[in-house]
Protein backbone atom coordinates (compact mmCIF):
# COMPACT_ATOMS: atom_id res chain seq x y z
CA UNK A 1 -26.53 64.74 -50.76
CA UNK A 2 -25.91 62.59 -47.87
CA UNK A 3 -29.65 62.20 -47.31
CA UNK A 4 -30.13 60.96 -50.91
CA UNK A 5 -27.21 58.55 -50.51
CA UNK A 6 -28.66 57.20 -47.28
CA UNK A 7 -32.09 56.72 -48.90
CA UNK A 8 -30.48 54.91 -51.88
CA UNK A 9 -28.58 52.56 -49.52
CA UNK A 10 -31.66 51.87 -47.44
CA UNK A 11 -33.72 51.22 -50.60
CA UNK A 12 -31.07 48.78 -51.90
CA UNK A 13 -30.86 47.05 -48.51
CA UNK A 14 -34.65 46.69 -48.39
CA UNK A 15 -34.74 44.88 -51.82
CA UNK A 16 -33.21 41.48 -51.03
CA UNK A 17 -35.76 39.23 -52.82
CA UNK A 18 -35.99 38.26 -56.49
CA UNK A 19 -38.45 39.56 -58.98
CA UNK A 20 -40.95 37.38 -60.81
CA UNK A 21 -39.15 37.90 -64.13
CA UNK A 22 -35.84 36.69 -62.67
CA UNK A 23 -37.56 33.65 -61.19
CA UNK A 24 -39.19 32.79 -64.56
CA UNK A 25 -35.83 33.07 -66.37
CA UNK A 26 -34.13 30.71 -63.90
CA UNK A 27 -37.01 28.22 -64.07
CA UNK A 28 -37.00 28.29 -67.89
CA UNK A 29 -33.26 27.61 -67.97
CA UNK A 30 -33.63 24.74 -65.50
CA UNK A 31 -36.46 23.25 -67.60
CA UNK A 32 -34.33 23.34 -70.76
CA UNK A 33 -31.39 21.70 -68.97
CA UNK A 34 -33.61 18.95 -67.49
CA UNK A 35 -35.25 18.26 -70.87
CA UNK A 36 -31.88 17.91 -72.63
CA UNK A 37 -30.50 15.64 -69.90
CA UNK A 38 -33.64 13.45 -69.97
CA UNK A 39 -33.26 13.03 -73.75
CA UNK A 40 -29.58 12.10 -73.32
CA UNK A 41 -30.37 9.56 -70.59
CA UNK A 42 -33.05 8.02 -72.84
CA UNK A 43 -30.56 7.67 -75.71
CA UNK A 44 -27.94 6.14 -73.42
CA UNK A 45 -30.45 3.60 -72.11
CA UNK A 46 -31.53 2.74 -75.67
CA UNK A 47 -27.91 2.22 -76.76
CA UNK A 48 -27.29 0.08 -73.68
CA UNK A 49 -30.33 -2.11 -74.45
CA UNK A 50 -29.20 -2.66 -78.03
CA UNK A 51 -25.64 -3.46 -76.96
CA UNK A 52 -26.88 -5.88 -74.33
CA UNK A 53 -29.11 -7.68 -76.86
CA UNK A 54 -26.14 -8.00 -79.22
CA UNK A 55 -23.87 -9.36 -76.48
CA UNK A 56 -26.54 -11.86 -75.36
CA UNK A 57 -26.91 -13.24 -78.91
CA UNK A 58 -23.13 -13.41 -79.35
CA UNK A 59 -22.71 -15.27 -76.06
CA UNK A 60 -25.53 -17.70 -76.87
CA UNK A 61 -24.08 -18.35 -80.34
CA UNK A 62 -20.65 -19.04 -78.88
CA UNK A 63 -22.09 -21.41 -76.25
CA UNK A 64 -24.05 -23.26 -78.94
CA UNK A 65 -21.04 -23.52 -81.26
CA UNK A 66 -18.78 -24.87 -78.49
CA UNK A 67 -21.36 -27.38 -77.24
CA UNK A 68 -22.18 -28.58 -80.77
CA UNK A 69 -18.53 -28.99 -81.73
CA UNK A 70 -17.68 -30.82 -78.49
CA UNK A 71 -20.72 -33.13 -78.74
CA UNK A 72 -20.07 -34.10 -82.36
CA UNK A 73 -16.36 -34.70 -81.70
CA UNK A 74 -17.06 -37.15 -78.88
CA UNK A 75 -20.02 -38.90 -80.58
CA UNK A 76 -19.79 -42.37 -82.12
CA UNK A 77 -22.43 -41.86 -84.81
CA UNK A 78 -24.77 -39.12 -85.98
CA UNK A 79 -28.18 -38.98 -87.65
CA UNK A 80 -29.23 -35.68 -89.21
CA UNK A 81 -32.65 -34.66 -90.54
CA UNK A 82 -32.72 -32.79 -93.84
CA UNK A 83 -35.78 -30.63 -93.13
CA UNK A 84 -36.02 -30.04 -89.38
CA UNK A 85 -39.54 -29.31 -88.18
CA UNK A 86 -40.37 -27.25 -85.12
CA UNK A 87 -40.32 -29.32 -81.94
CA UNK A 88 -38.53 -32.29 -83.50
CA UNK A 89 -34.93 -33.43 -83.24
CA UNK A 90 -32.83 -32.37 -86.20
CA UNK A 91 -29.67 -34.12 -84.98
CA UNK A 92 -29.21 -37.28 -82.91
CA UNK A 93 -25.77 -38.20 -81.64
CA UNK A 94 -24.86 -41.56 -80.12
CA UNK A 95 -22.30 -41.13 -77.35
CA UNK A 96 -20.11 -43.72 -75.66
CA UNK A 97 -21.60 -45.57 -72.66
CA UNK A 98 -25.06 -45.78 -74.29
CA UNK A 99 -25.94 -42.10 -73.98
CA UNK A 100 -27.78 -40.16 -76.70
CA UNK A 101 -27.85 -36.45 -77.46
CA UNK A 102 -30.61 -34.70 -79.37
CA UNK A 103 -30.62 -31.20 -80.78
CA UNK A 104 -34.16 -29.87 -81.19
CA UNK A 105 -35.60 -26.72 -82.62
CA UNK A 106 -38.44 -24.68 -81.18
CA UNK A 107 -39.44 -21.22 -82.48
CA UNK A 108 -36.37 -19.19 -81.55
CA UNK A 109 -34.68 -21.74 -79.33
CA UNK A 110 -32.39 -24.68 -79.94
CA UNK A 111 -32.50 -27.31 -77.21
CA UNK A 112 -29.75 -29.78 -76.37
CA UNK A 113 -31.13 -32.83 -74.54
CA UNK A 114 -28.94 -35.61 -73.13
CA UNK A 115 -30.53 -39.03 -72.59
CA UNK A 116 -29.21 -42.03 -70.71
CA UNK A 117 -31.39 -44.80 -72.08
CA UNK A 118 -34.87 -43.27 -71.86
CA UNK A 119 -34.09 -41.04 -68.88
CA UNK A 120 -33.41 -37.35 -69.52
CA UNK A 121 -30.10 -36.44 -67.88
CA UNK A 122 -29.77 -32.79 -68.84
CA UNK A 123 -31.45 -30.14 -70.94
CA UNK A 124 -29.93 -26.89 -72.16
CA UNK A 125 -31.64 -24.16 -74.18
CA UNK A 126 -29.99 -21.68 -76.53
CA UNK A 127 -32.37 -18.76 -77.10
CA UNK A 128 -31.88 -16.91 -80.35
CA UNK A 129 -34.12 -14.56 -82.29
CA UNK A 130 -37.49 -15.96 -83.46
CA UNK A 131 -37.73 -16.95 -87.11
CA UNK A 132 -34.21 -18.36 -87.43
CA UNK A 133 -33.39 -20.50 -90.44
CA UNK A 134 -31.59 -23.72 -89.57
CA UNK A 135 -29.78 -26.15 -91.83
CA UNK A 136 -27.93 -29.30 -90.82
CA UNK A 137 -25.82 -31.06 -93.43
CA UNK A 138 -23.81 -34.23 -93.32
CA UNK A 139 -21.16 -33.60 -95.98
CA UNK A 140 -19.41 -36.91 -95.47
CA UNK A 141 -19.92 -39.84 -93.09
CA UNK A 142 -17.90 -37.97 -90.47
CA UNK A 143 -18.37 -34.24 -91.18
CA UNK A 144 -21.48 -32.43 -89.89
CA UNK A 145 -22.20 -28.74 -90.45
CA UNK A 146 -24.77 -26.63 -88.58
CA UNK A 147 -25.84 -23.33 -90.16
CA UNK A 148 -28.11 -20.83 -88.45
CA UNK A 149 -29.16 -17.50 -89.88
CA UNK A 150 -31.89 -15.02 -89.22
CA UNK A 151 -33.85 -13.01 -91.73
CA UNK A 152 -33.21 -9.25 -91.87
CA UNK A 153 -34.87 -7.33 -89.04
CA UNK A 154 -38.36 -6.10 -89.73
CA UNK A 155 -38.98 -2.37 -89.95
CA UNK A 156 -40.11 -0.43 -86.92
CA UNK A 157 -43.85 -0.05 -86.37
CA UNK A 158 -45.46 2.96 -88.02
CA UNK A 159 -47.25 4.18 -84.91
CA UNK A 160 -44.06 4.45 -82.81
CA UNK A 161 -46.26 4.17 -79.73
CA UNK A 162 -45.36 0.64 -78.70
CA UNK A 163 -41.59 0.45 -78.31
CA UNK A 164 -39.95 -2.91 -78.88
CA UNK A 165 -38.10 -4.10 -75.79
CA UNK A 166 -36.25 -6.93 -77.55
CA UNK A 167 -34.13 -5.85 -80.47
CA UNK A 168 -33.75 -8.13 -83.46
CA UNK A 169 -30.07 -8.96 -83.68
CA UNK A 170 -29.04 -10.70 -86.91
CA UNK A 171 -27.56 -14.16 -86.40
CA UNK A 172 -25.20 -15.93 -88.77
CA UNK A 173 -23.55 -19.06 -87.41
CA UNK A 174 -21.79 -21.89 -89.25
CA UNK A 175 -20.14 -24.71 -87.27
CA UNK A 176 -18.44 -27.78 -88.68
CA UNK A 177 -17.35 -30.78 -86.64
CA UNK A 178 -16.08 -34.30 -87.27
CA UNK A 179 -17.84 -37.32 -85.77
CA UNK A 180 -15.75 -39.53 -83.49
CA UNK A 181 -12.74 -37.21 -83.65
CA UNK A 182 -11.88 -37.55 -79.96
CA UNK A 183 -11.68 -41.37 -80.10
CA UNK A 184 -9.61 -41.35 -83.31
CA UNK A 185 -6.93 -39.13 -81.83
CA UNK A 186 -6.98 -40.51 -78.28
CA UNK A 187 -4.74 -43.49 -79.19
CA UNK A 188 -2.20 -41.43 -81.13
CA UNK A 189 0.92 -40.57 -79.17
CA UNK A 190 2.74 -37.34 -79.76
CA UNK A 191 6.36 -37.76 -80.70
CA UNK A 192 8.88 -35.42 -79.09
């Protein structure tokens, strides 16, 4: 029996490699794990892109609201256009010291242009989604309201071959501000 035991040990010691079946099982398991992790990474990247688009629109809307409110508060007079056309100024604000501010609308962008006489001093663009609906109303001689909204997002393409890089984030913004507010309250002293 010792000869059979020695042959069994030598046969087991001689077989140190892996069989083809074992190699195929390990490769199949690795393929499944890689496929699942690639799908998860794709979903994470898609969620990150959507969240980033939402944050960008929120930040742009907040910047626009703050700039609009500040500009109207320090302006002396305002002229608003009822039906703003693309590329034209829908709001003109006269500032102290002879400066003039214009708010213009392009396709998905609202531009804020500051003039000193006829010279352009600064230009700032607020990029929103294309196809925004804009309304400017002058409710009283001193109250101006800016409303921006976007139509509902269009459905995804049927072919699903061409992915959309920019996501349509709905925009709803309503800002009200009073003309000449800063000058009216600058002379008022606070009582203790």
